[in-house]
């Protein structure tokens, strides 16, 4: 089987979109469903892991917004 060649720019877009990092705003539920899961973490060095993950993908995300799930 031959490997398909994908231009670097297209590969980058595909990878960013798959991780919900393409800048397309989604709601919390849609983002978690697309990712499959978000680990809830009680350690708060900078912020809780779930808040960091969701805020990096949803610019309008409010801290602890995952409680609405």
Protein backbone atom coordinates (compact mmCIF):
# COMPACT_ATOMS: atom_id res chain seq x y z
CA UNK A 1 0.00 0.00 0.00
CA UNK A 2 1.17 3.47 -0.80
CA UNK A 3 1.08 6.19 1.79
CA UNK A 4 -1.01 9.21 0.93
CA UNK A 5 0.93 12.45 0.78
CA UNK A 6 -0.70 15.33 2.63
CA UNK A 7 0.65 18.86 2.33
CA UNK A 8 2.05 20.18 5.61
CA UNK A 9 -0.50 23.02 5.86
CA UNK A 10 -3.40 20.60 5.39
CA UNK A 11 -1.97 18.15 7.94
CA UNK A 12 -1.63 20.98 10.45
CA UNK A 13 -5.27 22.01 9.92
CA UNK A 14 -6.46 18.42 10.32
CA UNK A 15 -4.50 17.89 13.53
CA UNK A 16 -5.62 21.18 15.08
CA UNK A 17 -9.24 20.51 14.16
CA UNK A 18 -9.11 16.97 15.60
CA UNK A 19 -7.94 18.36 18.95
CA UNK A 20 -10.51 21.22 18.87
CA UNK A 21 -7.69 23.77 18.62
CA UNK A 22 -8.60 25.25 15.24
CA UNK A 23 -10.25 28.34 16.70
CA UNK A 24 -13.75 27.27 15.89
CA UNK A 25 -15.77 28.05 18.99
CA UNK A 26 -17.76 25.12 20.33
CA UNK A 27 -19.74 24.71 23.48
CA UNK A 28 -18.40 22.75 26.42
CA UNK A 29 -20.54 19.68 25.72
CA UNK A 30 -19.58 19.55 22.02
CA UNK A 31 -15.89 20.01 22.86
CA UNK A 32 -15.86 17.22 25.46
CA UNK A 33 -17.80 14.91 23.13
CA UNK A 34 -15.31 15.58 20.31
CA UNK A 35 -12.30 15.01 22.61
CA UNK A 36 -13.85 11.90 24.13
CA UNK A 37 -13.02 12.91 27.70
CA UNK A 38 -11.45 15.61 29.86
CA UNK A 39 -9.65 14.51 32.99
CA UNK A 40 -10.93 16.26 36.11
CA UNK A 41 -8.02 17.23 38.31
CA UNK A 42 -8.15 18.72 41.79
CA UNK A 43 -4.54 19.97 41.71
CA UNK A 44 -4.54 23.70 41.04
CA UNK A 45 -0.95 24.78 40.24
CA UNK A 46 -1.93 27.31 37.57
CA UNK A 47 -5.52 26.24 37.07
CA UNK A 48 -7.31 22.92 37.15
CA UNK A 49 -6.54 20.69 34.18
CA UNK A 50 -10.11 20.61 32.95
CA UNK A 51 -10.29 24.42 32.97
CA UNK A 52 -6.97 24.74 31.08
CA UNK A 53 -8.05 22.22 28.44
CA UNK A 54 -11.44 23.78 27.84
CA UNK A 55 -10.21 27.40 27.96
CA UNK A 56 -7.52 26.66 25.35
CA UNK A 57 -10.23 25.40 23.01
CA UNK A 58 -13.14 27.72 23.87
CA UNK A 59 -12.02 31.37 24.27
CA UNK A 60 -15.28 32.33 25.99
CA UNK A 61 -15.05 29.46 28.49
CA UNK A 62 -15.80 30.51 32.07
CA UNK A 63 -13.81 28.87 34.87
CA UNK A 64 -15.55 25.80 36.26
CA UNK A 65 -18.01 25.92 33.34
CA UNK A 66 -17.75 22.13 33.13
CA UNK A 67 -20.14 21.96 36.10
CA UNK A 68 -22.93 22.57 33.56
CA UNK A 69 -22.27 19.18 31.94
